[in-house]
Amino acid sequence: MRIFTKKLPHPDLPAEEKAQLLQNAEYQELMVESPFMYLTLDLPTAPLYKDEKEQLIIPQVPLFSILAKFNGATEKEYKTYKENFLKRFQLTRLPPYLIFCIKRFTKNNFFVEKNPTIVNFPIT
């Protein structure tokens, strides 16, 4: 797997300082090749509202849309406590078997919440 990482400047900086920082080598895109054992797939957030019959909507998402994270073009922002990064993932070759880890649980200050989204797998 190829992992492309680009550091982002702080969003509160003025535009001219951002442009100057983007010229530094620290803020250029870095490519790393890394082996993997499993792929972690992120589910979209569950909707907060009910449908017109006042019943909860259980969303469905196709497997290919959550696998788009690894197509090499889709970028995702990762935040740490002091820095932000933009990452892209590209699969160079597939192993004989793939293990998917679907992240259903999110943790906040009070409790752990489960995302009930249904993942549709293609039959053929």
N, C-alpha and C. Protein backbone atom coordinates (compact mmCIF):
# COMPACT_ATOMS: atom_id res chain seq x y z
N MET A 1 0.85 -1.17 0.00
CA MET A 1 0.00 0.00 0.00
C MET A 1 0.90 1.23 0.00
N ARG A 2 0.52 2.20 -0.82
CA ARG A 2 1.21 3.49 -0.81
C ARG A 2 0.38 4.46 0.01
N ILE A 3 1.06 5.17 0.91
CA ILE A 3 0.40 6.17 1.75
C ILE A 3 1.02 7.52 1.42
N PHE A 4 0.20 8.44 0.92
CA PHE A 4 0.64 9.79 0.59
C PHE A 4 0.18 10.71 1.72
N THR A 5 1.12 11.42 2.34
CA THR A 5 0.81 12.29 3.47
C THR A 5 1.29 13.71 3.17
N LYS A 6 0.41 14.66 3.44
CA LYS A 6 0.77 16.07 3.27
C LYS A 6 0.34 16.83 4.52
N LYS A 7 1.27 17.54 5.12
CA LYS A 7 0.98 18.32 6.32
C LYS A 7 0.28 19.61 5.91
N LEU A 8 -0.74 20.00 6.65
CA LEU A 8 -1.49 21.22 6.37
C LEU A 8 -1.10 22.30 7.36
N PRO A 9 -0.99 23.56 6.91
CA PRO A 9 -0.72 24.65 7.85
C PRO A 9 -1.95 24.94 8.70
N HIS A 10 -1.73 25.61 9.80
CA HIS A 10 -2.83 25.94 10.72
C HIS A 10 -3.84 26.82 10.00
N PRO A 11 -5.15 26.53 10.12
CA PRO A 11 -6.16 27.30 9.37
C PRO A 11 -6.30 28.77 9.79
N ASP A 12 -5.82 29.14 10.97
CA ASP A 12 -5.96 30.53 11.43
C ASP A 12 -4.86 31.45 10.91
N LEU A 13 -3.86 30.90 10.22
CA LEU A 13 -2.77 31.73 9.71
C LEU A 13 -3.23 32.58 8.53
N PRO A 14 -2.62 33.74 8.34
CA PRO A 14 -2.96 34.56 7.15
C PRO A 14 -2.56 33.84 5.86
N ALA A 15 -3.16 34.23 4.74
CA ALA A 15 -2.96 33.53 3.46
C ALA A 15 -1.51 33.59 2.99
N GLU A 16 -0.84 34.72 3.19
CA GLU A 16 0.55 34.82 2.72
C GLU A 16 1.49 33.93 3.53
N GLU A 17 1.21 33.79 4.84
CA GLU A 17 2.02 32.87 5.66
C GLU A 17 1.78 31.43 5.26
N LYS A 18 0.51 31.07 4.95
CA LYS A 18 0.20 29.71 4.48
C LYS A 18 0.95 29.41 3.19
N ALA A 19 0.93 30.35 2.26
CA ALA A 19 1.61 30.15 0.98
C ALA A 19 3.12 29.97 1.19
N GLN A 20 3.68 30.72 2.12
CA GLN A 20 5.11 30.60 2.39
C GLN A 20 5.43 29.25 3.05
N LEU A 21 4.57 28.80 3.97
CA LEU A 21 4.79 27.51 4.63
C LEU A 21 4.67 26.35 3.66
N LEU A 22 3.76 26.45 2.69
CA LEU A 22 3.56 25.36 1.73
C LEU A 22 4.78 25.16 0.84
N GLN A 23 5.68 26.13 0.78
CA GLN A 23 6.91 25.99 -0.01
C GLN A 23 7.98 25.19 0.74
N ASN A 24 7.87 25.08 2.06
CA ASN A 24 8.84 24.33 2.86
C ASN A 24 8.78 22.84 2.54
N ALA A 25 9.89 22.15 2.74
CA ALA A 25 9.95 20.71 2.50
C ALA A 25 9.06 19.94 3.48
N GLU A 26 8.85 20.50 4.66
CA GLU A 26 8.03 19.84 5.68
C GLU A 26 6.57 19.71 5.23
N TYR A 27 6.10 20.63 4.40
CA TYR A 27 4.70 20.65 3.96
C TYR A 27 4.50 20.03 2.58
N GLN A 28 5.53 19.41 2.01
CA GLN A 28 5.40 18.74 0.71
C GLN A 28 4.85 17.33 0.92
N GLU A 29 4.28 16.77 -0.14
CA GLU A 29 3.68 15.44 -0.04
C GLU A 29 4.77 14.38 0.08
N LEU A 30 4.56 13.43 1.00
CA LEU A 30 5.51 12.37 1.28
C LEU A 30 4.86 11.04 0.97
N MET A 31 5.55 10.16 0.23
CA MET A 31 5.00 8.86 -0.13
C MET A 31 5.77 7.76 0.61
N VAL A 32 5.02 6.85 1.24
CA VAL A 32 5.61 5.74 1.98
C VAL A 32 4.91 4.46 1.51
N GLU A 33 5.68 3.41 1.25
CA GLU A 33 5.08 2.11 0.93
C GLU A 33 5.10 1.27 2.20
N SER A 34 3.96 0.64 2.47
CA SER A 34 3.83 -0.11 3.71
C SER A 34 2.99 -1.37 3.47
N PRO A 35 3.38 -2.50 4.05
CA PRO A 35 2.52 -3.69 3.95
C PRO A 35 1.32 -3.54 4.89
N PHE A 36 0.26 -4.31 4.64
CA PHE A 36 -0.91 -4.23 5.50
C PHE A 36 -1.45 -5.63 5.76
N MET A 37 -2.11 -5.77 6.91
CA MET A 37 -2.73 -7.05 7.29
C MET A 37 -4.24 -7.00 7.09
N TYR A 38 -4.84 -5.84 7.31
CA TYR A 38 -6.28 -5.67 7.13
C TYR A 38 -6.54 -4.22 6.74
N LEU A 39 -7.73 -3.97 6.20
CA LEU A 39 -8.12 -2.62 5.80
C LEU A 39 -9.20 -2.12 6.74
N THR A 40 -9.00 -0.97 7.32
CA THR A 40 -10.00 -0.37 8.20
C THR A 40 -10.89 0.53 7.38
N LEU A 41 -12.19 0.26 7.39
CA LEU A 41 -13.16 0.99 6.60
C LEU A 41 -13.99 1.89 7.52
N ASP A 42 -14.14 3.15 7.13
CA ASP A 42 -14.91 4.11 7.92
C ASP A 42 -16.31 4.22 7.36
N LEU A 43 -17.31 4.07 8.23
CA LEU A 43 -18.70 4.23 7.83
C LEU A 43 -19.10 5.70 7.88
N PRO A 44 -19.99 6.13 6.98
CA PRO A 44 -20.50 7.50 7.10
C PRO A 44 -21.34 7.62 8.37
N THR A 45 -21.45 8.82 8.89
CA THR A 45 -22.20 9.02 10.13
C THR A 45 -23.68 8.71 9.93
N ALA A 46 -24.31 8.21 10.96
CA ALA A 46 -25.74 7.88 10.91
C ALA A 46 -26.55 9.17 10.90
N PRO A 47 -27.70 9.20 10.20
CA PRO A 47 -28.52 10.41 10.18
C PRO A 47 -29.13 10.69 11.55
N LEU A 48 -29.31 11.96 11.85
CA LEU A 48 -29.85 12.36 13.15
C LEU A 48 -31.37 12.47 13.16
N TYR A 49 -31.98 12.54 11.97
CA TYR A 49 -33.41 12.81 11.90
C TYR A 49 -34.20 11.55 11.53
N LYS A 50 -35.47 11.54 11.91
CA LYS A 50 -36.36 10.44 11.58
C LYS A 50 -37.05 10.72 10.25
N ASP A 51 -37.63 9.66 9.65
CA ASP A 51 -38.36 9.86 8.40
C ASP A 51 -39.75 10.41 8.68
N GLU A 52 -40.58 10.56 7.62
CA GLU A 52 -41.89 11.19 7.77
C GLU A 52 -42.86 10.37 8.62
N LYS A 53 -42.62 9.08 8.78
CA LYS A 53 -43.50 8.24 9.60
C LYS A 53 -43.00 8.16 11.05
N GLU A 54 -42.06 9.03 11.40
CA GLU A 54 -41.48 9.08 12.76
C GLU A 54 -40.76 7.79 13.14
N GLN A 55 -40.23 7.10 12.15
CA GLN A 55 -39.44 5.91 12.41
C GLN A 55 -37.99 6.23 12.07
N LEU A 56 -37.09 5.57 12.74
CA LEU A 56 -35.68 5.80 12.48
C LEU A 56 -35.29 5.23 11.12
N ILE A 57 -34.46 5.94 10.43
CA ILE A 57 -33.95 5.48 9.14
C ILE A 57 -32.66 4.72 9.40
N ILE A 58 -32.57 3.50 8.88
CA ILE A 58 -31.32 2.76 8.95
C ILE A 58 -30.66 2.91 7.58
N PRO A 59 -29.59 3.68 7.51
CA PRO A 59 -28.97 3.93 6.21
C PRO A 59 -28.25 2.69 5.68
N GLN A 60 -28.13 2.65 4.35
CA GLN A 60 -27.39 1.58 3.70
C GLN A 60 -26.30 2.22 2.84
N VAL A 61 -25.17 1.56 2.77
CA VAL A 61 -24.05 2.06 1.98
C VAL A 61 -23.43 0.87 1.24
N PRO A 62 -23.13 1.03 -0.05
CA PRO A 62 -22.47 -0.07 -0.78
C PRO A 62 -21.00 -0.21 -0.34
N LEU A 63 -20.50 -1.43 -0.42
CA LEU A 63 -19.13 -1.71 -0.02
C LEU A 63 -18.13 -0.89 -0.85
N PHE A 64 -18.43 -0.72 -2.14
CA PHE A 64 -17.49 -0.01 -3.01
C PHE A 64 -17.34 1.46 -2.61
N SER A 65 -18.37 2.06 -2.03
CA SER A 65 -18.23 3.47 -1.64
C SER A 65 -17.34 3.63 -0.40
N ILE A 66 -17.33 2.65 0.51
CA ILE A 66 -16.43 2.78 1.65
C ILE A 66 -15.02 2.28 1.31
N LEU A 67 -14.90 1.50 0.22
CA LEU A 67 -13.58 1.09 -0.25
C LEU A 67 -12.91 2.20 -1.07
N ALA A 68 -13.65 3.25 -1.42
CA ALA A 68 -13.09 4.36 -2.20
C ALA A 68 -11.95 5.06 -1.47
N LYS A 69 -11.85 4.84 -0.18
CA LYS A 69 -10.76 5.41 0.62
C LYS A 69 -9.40 4.95 0.08
N PHE A 70 -9.35 3.77 -0.56
CA PHE A 70 -8.09 3.18 -1.00
C PHE A 70 -7.87 3.29 -2.51
N ASN A 71 -8.57 4.21 -3.19
CA ASN A 71 -8.42 4.31 -4.64
C ASN A 71 -7.25 5.20 -5.06
N GLY A 72 -6.59 5.86 -4.14
CA GLY A 72 -5.44 6.69 -4.47
C GLY A 72 -5.79 8.13 -4.79
N ALA A 73 -7.07 8.44 -4.96
CA ALA A 73 -7.48 9.80 -5.30
C ALA A 73 -8.23 10.48 -4.15
N THR A 74 -8.94 9.71 -3.34
CA THR A 74 -9.74 10.27 -2.26
C THR A 74 -8.83 10.67 -1.10
N GLU A 75 -8.93 11.93 -0.68
CA GLU A 75 -8.12 12.43 0.43
C GLU A 75 -8.98 12.56 1.67
N LYS A 76 -8.37 12.30 2.82
CA LYS A 76 -9.07 12.45 4.08
C LYS A 76 -8.17 13.20 5.05
N GLU A 77 -8.78 14.07 5.84
CA GLU A 77 -8.01 14.87 6.80
C GLU A 77 -7.94 14.15 8.14
N TYR A 78 -6.75 14.06 8.68
CA TYR A 78 -6.52 13.46 9.99
C TYR A 78 -5.98 14.54 10.90
N LYS A 79 -6.59 14.67 12.08
CA LYS A 79 -6.20 15.73 13.01
C LYS A 79 -5.57 15.12 14.25
N THR A 80 -4.47 15.74 14.67
CA THR A 80 -3.89 15.42 15.97
C THR A 80 -4.08 16.66 16.84
N TYR A 81 -3.59 16.62 18.03
CA TYR A 81 -3.83 17.75 18.93
C TYR A 81 -3.10 19.00 18.49
N LYS A 82 -2.05 18.89 17.66
CA LYS A 82 -1.35 20.11 17.25
C LYS A 82 -1.12 20.22 15.74
N GLU A 83 -1.35 19.17 14.97
CA GLU A 83 -1.10 19.21 13.53
C GLU A 83 -2.23 18.55 12.76
N ASN A 84 -2.41 18.96 11.48
CA ASN A 84 -3.40 18.36 10.59
C ASN A 84 -2.69 17.78 9.39
N PHE A 85 -3.16 16.62 8.94
CA PHE A 85 -2.56 15.95 7.79
C PHE A 85 -3.65 15.58 6.80
N LEU A 86 -3.30 15.58 5.51
CA LEU A 86 -4.16 15.10 4.45
C LEU A 86 -3.54 13.82 3.94
N LYS A 87 -4.30 12.71 3.95
CA LYS A 87 -3.74 11.42 3.55
C LYS A 87 -4.54 10.81 2.41
N ARG A 88 -3.81 10.12 1.52
CA ARG A 88 -4.40 9.31 0.46
C ARG A 88 -3.80 7.93 0.56
N PHE A 89 -4.60 6.92 0.24
CA PHE A 89 -4.14 5.54 0.28
C PHE A 89 -4.33 4.91 -1.08
N GLN A 90 -3.34 4.15 -1.54
CA GLN A 90 -3.43 3.48 -2.82
C GLN A 90 -2.95 2.04 -2.66
N LEU A 91 -3.79 1.09 -3.06
CA LEU A 91 -3.40 -0.31 -3.00
C LEU A 91 -2.58 -0.64 -4.25
N THR A 92 -1.38 -1.16 -4.06
CA THR A 92 -0.53 -1.50 -5.20
C THR A 92 -0.85 -2.89 -5.74
N ARG A 93 -1.07 -3.83 -4.85
CA ARG A 93 -1.51 -5.17 -5.27
C ARG A 93 -2.30 -5.78 -4.13
N LEU A 94 -3.19 -6.69 -4.47
CA LEU A 94 -4.04 -7.32 -3.47
C LEU A 94 -3.47 -8.66 -3.03
N PRO A 95 -3.61 -8.99 -1.75
CA PRO A 95 -3.19 -10.30 -1.27
C PRO A 95 -4.24 -11.35 -1.66
N PRO A 96 -3.97 -12.64 -1.42
CA PRO A 96 -4.95 -13.67 -1.75
C PRO A 96 -6.26 -13.51 -0.97
N TYR A 97 -6.18 -12.99 0.25
CA TYR A 97 -7.37 -12.79 1.09
C TYR A 97 -7.36 -11.36 1.63
N LEU A 98 -8.55 -10.77 1.73
CA LEU A 98 -8.68 -9.44 2.30
C LEU A 98 -9.50 -9.52 3.58
N ILE A 99 -9.04 -8.85 4.62
CA ILE A 99 -9.79 -8.75 5.87
C ILE A 99 -10.21 -7.30 6.03
N PHE A 100 -11.52 -7.08 6.15
CA PHE A 100 -12.06 -5.74 6.35
C PHE A 100 -12.41 -5.56 7.81
N CYS A 101 -12.04 -4.42 8.36
CA CYS A 101 -12.43 -4.05 9.71
C CYS A 101 -13.29 -2.80 9.58
N ILE A 102 -14.59 -2.94 9.80
CA ILE A 102 -15.51 -1.82 9.65
C ILE A 102 -15.67 -1.14 11.00
N LYS A 103 -15.32 0.15 11.04
CA LYS A 103 -15.37 0.91 12.30
C LYS A 103 -16.81 1.34 12.58
N ARG A 104 -17.50 0.59 13.42
CA ARG A 104 -18.89 0.89 13.77
C ARG A 104 -19.03 1.68 15.06
N PHE A 105 -18.05 1.62 15.92
CA PHE A 105 -18.17 2.22 17.24
C PHE A 105 -17.35 3.51 17.32
N THR A 106 -17.98 4.54 17.86
CA THR A 106 -17.29 5.79 18.13
C THR A 106 -17.41 6.08 19.63
N LYS A 107 -16.36 6.63 20.17
CA LYS A 107 -16.30 6.87 21.61
C LYS A 107 -16.23 8.36 21.84
N ASN A 108 -17.06 8.86 22.76
CA ASN A 108 -16.96 10.26 23.16
C ASN A 108 -16.76 10.31 24.67
N ASN A 109 -16.94 11.47 25.27
CA ASN A 109 -16.65 11.63 26.70
C ASN A 109 -17.59 10.82 27.59
N PHE A 110 -18.79 10.50 27.11
CA PHE A 110 -19.80 9.91 28.00
C PHE A 110 -20.07 8.43 27.73
N PHE A 111 -20.11 8.02 26.46
CA PHE A 111 -20.44 6.63 26.16
C PHE A 111 -19.92 6.23 24.79
N VAL A 112 -20.05 4.93 24.49
CA VAL A 112 -19.66 4.39 23.19
C VAL A 112 -20.93 4.25 22.36
N GLU A 113 -20.88 4.75 21.13
CA GLU A 113 -22.06 4.76 20.27
C GLU A 113 -21.84 3.85 19.07
N LYS A 114 -22.86 3.06 18.71
CA LYS A 114 -22.77 2.15 17.58
C LYS A 114 -23.44 2.75 16.36
N ASN A 115 -22.79 2.67 15.21
CA ASN A 115 -23.34 3.13 13.94
C ASN A 115 -24.09 1.95 13.31
N PRO A 116 -25.43 2.05 13.11
CA PRO A 116 -26.21 0.91 12.62
C PRO A 116 -26.24 0.77 11.10
N THR A 117 -25.41 1.51 10.38
CA THR A 117 -25.44 1.51 8.92
C THR A 117 -25.22 0.10 8.37
N ILE A 118 -26.05 -0.28 7.39
CA ILE A 118 -25.94 -1.59 6.75
C ILE A 118 -24.98 -1.46 5.58
N VAL A 119 -24.02 -2.38 5.48
CA VAL A 119 -23.07 -2.40 4.36
C VAL A 119 -23.54 -3.46 3.37
N ASN A 120 -23.83 -3.02 2.14
CA ASN A 120 -24.29 -3.94 1.10
C ASN A 120 -23.09 -4.53 0.36
N PHE A 121 -22.97 -5.87 0.40
CA PHE A 121 -21.91 -6.57 -0.30
C PHE A 121 -22.45 -7.06 -1.64
N PRO A 122 -21.65 -6.94 -2.71
CA PRO A 122 -22.13 -7.45 -3.99
C PRO A 122 -22.15 -8.98 -3.98
N ILE A 123 -23.17 -9.55 -4.61
CA ILE A 123 -23.31 -11.01 -4.64
C ILE A 123 -22.37 -11.63 -5.66
N THR A 124 -22.22 -10.98 -6.81
CA THR A 124 -21.34 -11.55 -7.85
C THR A 124 -20.10 -10.72 -8.01
